[in-house]
Amino acid sequence: MLGDIAGAEQIFIACGYTDMRKSIDGLAALVQQNYMMDPFQNTLFLFCGHKCDRLMALYWEGDGFVLLYKRLEGGRFQWPRDADEVKQISPQEFRWLLEGLAIHQPKAVKKVTSSIAI
């Protein structure tokens, strides 16, 4: 189905700035050359420019790429700018990002795994 990104096994965010004039081929090359990753995986790659009001998503559907573009009319995405690297995020962090929140929520309840058997 066209643009069904819900099936993505992983979500990666390109920290820092991305030239938002890039096309599908330019973003796929960025994934391969800068991040040494395969864009032909069942993975969603997210990119953001300088203004932080536009987001691009690149997703391989098995028979071709889908390029999604979202522009906020009011507000900005809380995009991590700390480095030119790629970072894996969870589906919950992806939802936070699309809602205008930071991907690191200090008050969010974190899942805890215990090594002690009860």
N, C-alpha and C. Protein backbone atom coordinates (compact mmCIF):
# COMPACT_ATOMS: atom_id res chain seq x y z
N MET A 1 0.84 -1.18 0.00
CA MET A 1 0.00 0.00 0.00
C MET A 1 0.89 1.24 0.00
N LEU A 2 0.52 2.21 -0.76
CA LEU A 2 1.33 3.41 -0.92
C LEU A 2 1.45 4.19 0.38
N GLY A 3 2.67 4.33 0.84
CA GLY A 3 2.95 5.15 2.01
C GLY A 3 2.58 4.54 3.34
N ASP A 4 2.40 3.22 3.42
CA ASP A 4 2.06 2.58 4.69
C ASP A 4 3.34 2.36 5.48
N ILE A 5 3.74 3.39 6.22
CA ILE A 5 4.99 3.33 6.98
C ILE A 5 4.83 2.60 8.30
N ALA A 6 3.61 2.17 8.62
CA ALA A 6 3.38 1.46 9.88
C ALA A 6 4.10 0.11 9.89
N GLY A 7 4.43 -0.42 8.73
CA GLY A 7 5.12 -1.70 8.65
C GLY A 7 6.62 -1.61 8.81
N ALA A 8 7.15 -0.42 9.02
CA ALA A 8 8.60 -0.26 9.16
C ALA A 8 9.08 -0.95 10.43
N GLU A 9 10.11 -1.77 10.29
CA GLU A 9 10.68 -2.49 11.44
C GLU A 9 11.52 -1.58 12.31
N GLN A 10 12.17 -0.58 11.70
CA GLN A 10 13.04 0.33 12.43
C GLN A 10 12.79 1.75 11.94
N ILE A 11 13.08 2.72 12.80
CA ILE A 11 12.98 4.14 12.45
C ILE A 11 14.30 4.80 12.82
N PHE A 12 14.90 5.46 11.83
CA PHE A 12 16.16 6.18 12.07
C PHE A 12 15.97 7.65 11.75
N ILE A 13 16.57 8.49 12.57
CA ILE A 13 16.50 9.93 12.40
C ILE A 13 17.90 10.44 12.09
N ALA A 14 18.01 11.25 11.04
CA ALA A 14 19.29 11.85 10.68
C ALA A 14 19.44 13.13 11.50
N CYS A 15 20.26 13.08 12.53
CA CYS A 15 20.47 14.24 13.39
C CYS A 15 21.20 15.32 12.60
N GLY A 16 21.03 16.55 13.00
CA GLY A 16 21.65 17.65 12.29
C GLY A 16 20.77 18.14 11.16
N TYR A 17 21.36 18.81 10.21
CA TYR A 17 20.61 19.43 9.12
C TYR A 17 20.74 18.61 7.83
N THR A 18 19.67 18.56 7.07
CA THR A 18 19.66 17.91 5.76
C THR A 18 19.17 18.92 4.74
N ASP A 19 19.77 18.91 3.57
CA ASP A 19 19.33 19.76 2.47
C ASP A 19 17.97 19.24 2.00
N MET A 20 16.92 20.01 2.22
CA MET A 20 15.57 19.56 1.91
C MET A 20 15.25 19.62 0.42
N ARG A 21 16.20 20.01 -0.40
CA ARG A 21 16.01 19.97 -1.86
C ARG A 21 16.34 18.60 -2.43
N LYS A 22 16.87 17.72 -1.61
CA LYS A 22 17.25 16.38 -2.09
C LYS A 22 16.01 15.59 -2.49
N SER A 23 16.20 14.76 -3.49
CA SER A 23 15.13 13.88 -3.97
C SER A 23 15.31 12.49 -3.34
N ILE A 24 14.53 11.56 -3.82
CA ILE A 24 14.63 10.18 -3.32
C ILE A 24 16.05 9.66 -3.52
N ASP A 25 16.61 9.84 -4.70
CA ASP A 25 17.96 9.33 -4.98
C ASP A 25 19.00 10.01 -4.09
N GLY A 26 18.86 11.30 -3.86
CA GLY A 26 19.80 12.02 -3.01
C GLY A 26 19.74 11.56 -1.56
N LEU A 27 18.53 11.32 -1.05
CA LEU A 27 18.40 10.85 0.32
C LEU A 27 18.88 9.41 0.47
N ALA A 28 18.59 8.56 -0.54
CA ALA A 28 19.07 7.18 -0.50
C ALA A 28 20.60 7.14 -0.53
N ALA A 29 21.19 8.02 -1.34
CA ALA A 29 22.66 8.09 -1.39
C ALA A 29 23.23 8.58 -0.06
N LEU A 30 22.54 9.52 0.59
CA LEU A 30 22.96 10.01 1.90
C LEU A 30 22.96 8.88 2.93
N VAL A 31 21.92 8.08 2.90
CA VAL A 31 21.82 6.93 3.82
C VAL A 31 22.97 5.96 3.58
N GLN A 32 23.27 5.69 2.31
CA GLN A 32 24.34 4.74 1.99
C GLN A 32 25.73 5.30 2.27
N GLN A 33 26.01 6.49 1.83
CA GLN A 33 27.36 7.03 1.89
C GLN A 33 27.72 7.62 3.25
N ASN A 34 26.83 8.40 3.84
CA ASN A 34 27.16 9.06 5.11
C ASN A 34 26.93 8.17 6.32
N TYR A 35 25.90 7.34 6.27
CA TYR A 35 25.54 6.54 7.45
C TYR A 35 25.85 5.06 7.28
N MET A 36 26.37 4.66 6.12
CA MET A 36 26.76 3.27 5.84
C MET A 36 25.61 2.29 6.14
N MET A 37 24.41 2.65 5.72
CA MET A 37 23.24 1.82 5.93
C MET A 37 22.60 1.51 4.58
N ASP A 38 21.77 0.50 4.56
CA ASP A 38 21.08 0.08 3.34
C ASP A 38 19.69 0.70 3.29
N PRO A 39 19.42 1.60 2.34
CA PRO A 39 18.09 2.22 2.27
C PRO A 39 17.02 1.27 1.76
N PHE A 40 17.42 0.08 1.27
CA PHE A 40 16.47 -0.90 0.74
C PHE A 40 15.99 -1.87 1.82
N GLN A 41 16.07 -1.47 3.06
CA GLN A 41 15.57 -2.28 4.17
C GLN A 41 14.14 -1.84 4.48
N ASN A 42 13.49 -2.59 5.35
CA ASN A 42 12.16 -2.21 5.82
C ASN A 42 12.32 -1.21 6.96
N THR A 43 12.90 -0.05 6.61
CA THR A 43 13.29 0.96 7.60
C THR A 43 12.81 2.33 7.14
N LEU A 44 12.36 3.13 8.08
CA LEU A 44 11.93 4.50 7.82
C LEU A 44 13.08 5.43 8.21
N PHE A 45 13.51 6.28 7.27
CA PHE A 45 14.58 7.24 7.52
C PHE A 45 13.96 8.64 7.53
N LEU A 46 14.26 9.43 8.56
CA LEU A 46 13.69 10.77 8.73
C LEU A 46 14.76 11.83 8.60
N PHE A 47 14.41 12.95 7.95
CA PHE A 47 15.34 14.05 7.70
C PHE A 47 14.64 15.38 7.98
N CYS A 48 15.41 16.39 8.41
CA CYS A 48 14.87 17.71 8.70
C CYS A 48 15.88 18.77 8.27
N GLY A 49 15.39 19.92 7.80
CA GLY A 49 16.25 21.00 7.35
C GLY A 49 16.52 22.04 8.42
N HIS A 50 17.02 23.19 8.01
CA HIS A 50 17.39 24.26 8.95
C HIS A 50 16.19 24.89 9.65
N LYS A 51 15.08 25.05 8.95
CA LYS A 51 13.93 25.75 9.53
C LYS A 51 13.20 24.94 10.58
N CYS A 52 13.36 23.64 10.58
CA CYS A 52 12.71 22.73 11.53
C CYS A 52 11.19 22.71 11.40
N ASP A 53 10.65 23.22 10.31
CA ASP A 53 9.21 23.15 10.12
C ASP A 53 8.82 22.16 9.03
N ARG A 54 9.84 21.49 8.46
CA ARG A 54 9.61 20.50 7.40
C ARG A 54 10.35 19.22 7.72
N LEU A 55 9.69 18.11 7.42
CA LEU A 55 10.26 16.80 7.67
C LEU A 55 10.08 15.96 6.42
N MET A 56 11.10 15.19 6.07
CA MET A 56 11.01 14.25 4.95
C MET A 56 11.27 12.86 5.48
N ALA A 57 10.52 11.89 4.94
CA ALA A 57 10.67 10.50 5.33
C ALA A 57 10.89 9.66 4.08
N LEU A 58 11.88 8.79 4.13
CA LEU A 58 12.20 7.89 3.03
C LEU A 58 11.93 6.47 3.47
N TYR A 59 11.15 5.73 2.66
CA TYR A 59 10.77 4.36 3.04
C TYR A 59 10.73 3.49 1.79
N TRP A 60 11.38 2.33 1.87
CA TRP A 60 11.39 1.35 0.78
C TRP A 60 10.21 0.40 0.98
N GLU A 61 9.32 0.30 -0.03
CA GLU A 61 8.13 -0.54 0.08
C GLU A 61 8.29 -1.91 -0.56
N GLY A 62 9.47 -2.22 -1.03
CA GLY A 62 9.68 -3.52 -1.66
C GLY A 62 9.71 -3.43 -3.18
N ASP A 63 8.95 -2.51 -3.74
CA ASP A 63 8.94 -2.34 -5.20
C ASP A 63 9.30 -0.91 -5.61
N GLY A 64 9.57 -0.07 -4.62
CA GLY A 64 9.94 1.31 -4.89
C GLY A 64 9.99 2.12 -3.61
N PHE A 65 10.55 3.31 -3.71
CA PHE A 65 10.65 4.20 -2.56
C PHE A 65 9.41 5.06 -2.42
N VAL A 66 9.08 5.40 -1.20
CA VAL A 66 8.05 6.38 -0.88
C VAL A 66 8.77 7.54 -0.21
N LEU A 67 8.48 8.75 -0.68
CA LEU A 67 9.02 9.95 -0.08
C LEU A 67 7.86 10.75 0.49
N LEU A 68 7.85 10.91 1.80
CA LEU A 68 6.80 11.67 2.47
C LEU A 68 7.36 13.00 2.92
N TYR A 69 6.54 14.03 2.85
CA TYR A 69 6.98 15.38 3.18
C TYR A 69 5.90 16.00 4.06
N LYS A 70 6.30 16.51 5.21
CA LYS A 70 5.35 17.16 6.09
C LYS A 70 5.87 18.54 6.43
N ARG A 71 4.99 19.55 6.29
CA ARG A 71 5.33 20.92 6.64
C ARG A 71 4.34 21.39 7.71
N LEU A 72 4.88 21.86 8.81
CA LEU A 72 4.04 22.39 9.88
C LEU A 72 3.64 23.82 9.55
N GLU A 73 2.40 24.15 9.76
CA GLU A 73 1.92 25.51 9.52
C GLU A 73 2.21 26.42 10.71
N GLY A 74 2.29 25.84 11.89
CA GLY A 74 2.64 26.61 13.09
C GLY A 74 3.49 25.74 13.99
N GLY A 75 4.61 26.24 14.39
CA GLY A 75 5.49 25.47 15.26
C GLY A 75 6.65 24.86 14.51
N ARG A 76 7.46 24.14 15.26
CA ARG A 76 8.67 23.50 14.72
C ARG A 76 8.82 22.11 15.30
N PHE A 77 9.52 21.27 14.55
CA PHE A 77 9.87 19.95 15.06
C PHE A 77 11.01 20.11 16.06
N GLN A 78 10.98 19.34 17.13
CA GLN A 78 12.05 19.32 18.12
C GLN A 78 13.11 18.33 17.64
N TRP A 79 13.95 18.78 16.74
CA TRP A 79 14.90 17.90 16.05
C TRP A 79 16.25 17.92 16.74
N PRO A 80 16.84 16.73 17.02
CA PRO A 80 18.18 16.70 17.63
C PRO A 80 19.24 17.23 16.67
N ARG A 81 20.01 18.20 17.11
CA ARG A 81 21.03 18.84 16.27
C ARG A 81 22.44 18.59 16.77
N ASP A 82 22.60 17.67 17.69
CA ASP A 82 23.89 17.50 18.35
C ASP A 82 25.01 16.96 17.47
N ALA A 83 24.71 16.21 16.42
CA ALA A 83 25.78 15.63 15.61
C ALA A 83 25.25 15.23 14.25
N ASP A 84 26.18 15.02 13.30
CA ASP A 84 25.81 14.51 11.98
C ASP A 84 25.89 12.99 12.01
N GLU A 85 24.93 12.40 12.67
CA GLU A 85 24.88 10.95 12.76
C GLU A 85 23.43 10.51 12.64
N VAL A 86 23.25 9.22 12.56
CA VAL A 86 21.91 8.66 12.49
C VAL A 86 21.61 8.00 13.82
N LYS A 87 20.38 8.14 14.29
CA LYS A 87 20.00 7.63 15.60
C LYS A 87 18.69 6.86 15.46
N GLN A 88 18.65 5.69 16.06
CA GLN A 88 17.42 4.90 16.03
C GLN A 88 16.46 5.40 17.10
N ILE A 89 15.19 5.54 16.72
CA ILE A 89 14.16 5.96 17.67
C ILE A 89 13.04 4.94 17.68
N SER A 90 12.27 4.97 18.74
CA SER A 90 11.15 4.04 18.89
C SER A 90 9.90 4.61 18.20
N PRO A 91 8.90 3.77 17.96
CA PRO A 91 7.64 4.29 17.41
C PRO A 91 7.01 5.37 18.30
N GLN A 92 7.15 5.23 19.62
CA GLN A 92 6.61 6.25 20.54
C GLN A 92 7.35 7.57 20.37
N GLU A 93 8.68 7.53 20.24
CA GLU A 93 9.46 8.75 20.03
C GLU A 93 9.11 9.39 18.68
N PHE A 94 8.82 8.56 17.69
CA PHE A 94 8.38 9.06 16.39
C PHE A 94 7.06 9.81 16.51
N ARG A 95 6.13 9.26 17.26
CA ARG A 95 4.85 9.95 17.49
C ARG A 95 5.06 11.27 18.22
N TRP A 96 5.92 11.26 19.23
CA TRP A 96 6.23 12.50 19.96
C TRP A 96 6.78 13.56 19.00
N LEU A 97 7.69 13.13 18.14
CA LEU A 97 8.31 14.05 17.19
C LEU A 97 7.26 14.67 16.28
N LEU A 98 6.35 13.85 15.74
CA LEU A 98 5.32 14.36 14.85
C LEU A 98 4.32 15.26 15.56
N GLU A 99 4.19 15.11 16.88
CA GLU A 99 3.29 15.95 17.67
C GLU A 99 3.97 17.23 18.15
N GLY A 100 5.24 17.43 17.75
CA GLY A 100 5.94 18.65 18.12
C GLY A 100 6.70 18.55 19.43
N LEU A 101 6.79 17.37 19.97
CA LEU A 101 7.50 17.16 21.23
C LEU A 101 8.93 16.70 20.97
N ALA A 102 9.78 16.82 21.96
CA ALA A 102 11.14 16.31 21.87
C ALA A 102 11.10 14.79 22.00
N ILE A 103 12.07 14.12 21.37
CA ILE A 103 12.08 12.66 21.45
C ILE A 103 12.53 12.17 22.82
N HIS A 104 13.15 13.02 23.61
CA HIS A 104 13.55 12.66 24.96
C HIS A 104 12.60 13.36 25.93
N GLN A 105 11.68 12.62 26.48
CA GLN A 105 10.70 13.15 27.42
C GLN A 105 11.13 12.79 28.83
N PRO A 106 11.58 13.76 29.63
CA PRO A 106 12.10 13.46 30.96
C PRO A 106 11.04 12.91 31.91
N LYS A 107 9.77 13.21 31.67
CA LYS A 107 8.73 12.75 32.57
C LYS A 107 8.04 11.48 32.08
N ALA A 108 8.44 10.99 30.92
CA ALA A 108 7.84 9.76 30.40
C ALA A 108 8.32 8.57 31.23
N VAL A 109 7.43 7.63 31.45
CA VAL A 109 7.78 6.44 32.22
C VAL A 109 8.59 5.53 31.32
N LYS A 110 9.77 5.19 31.76
CA LYS A 110 10.66 4.32 31.00
C LYS A 110 10.39 2.86 31.36
N LYS A 111 10.47 1.97 30.36
CA LYS A 111 10.31 0.55 30.62
C LYS A 111 11.55 0.02 31.32
N VAL A 112 11.33 -0.84 32.29
CA VAL A 112 12.43 -1.41 33.07
C VAL A 112 12.41 -2.92 32.89
N THR A 113 13.57 -3.47 32.63
CA THR A 113 13.69 -4.92 32.57
C THR A 113 14.45 -5.39 33.79
N SER A 114 13.93 -6.39 34.41
CA SER A 114 14.53 -6.90 35.63
C SER A 114 15.26 -8.21 35.34
N SER A 115 16.42 -8.35 35.91
CA SER A 115 17.16 -9.59 35.75
C SER A 115 16.88 -10.55 36.89
N ILE A 116 16.07 -10.13 37.85
CA ILE A 116 15.74 -10.96 39.00
C ILE A 116 14.42 -11.68 38.72
N ALA A 117 14.44 -13.00 38.80
CA ALA A 117 13.23 -13.79 38.59
C ALA A 117 12.42 -13.82 39.89
N ILE A 118 11.13 -13.65 39.74
CA ILE A 118 10.25 -13.66 40.92
C ILE A 118 9.60 -15.02 41.06
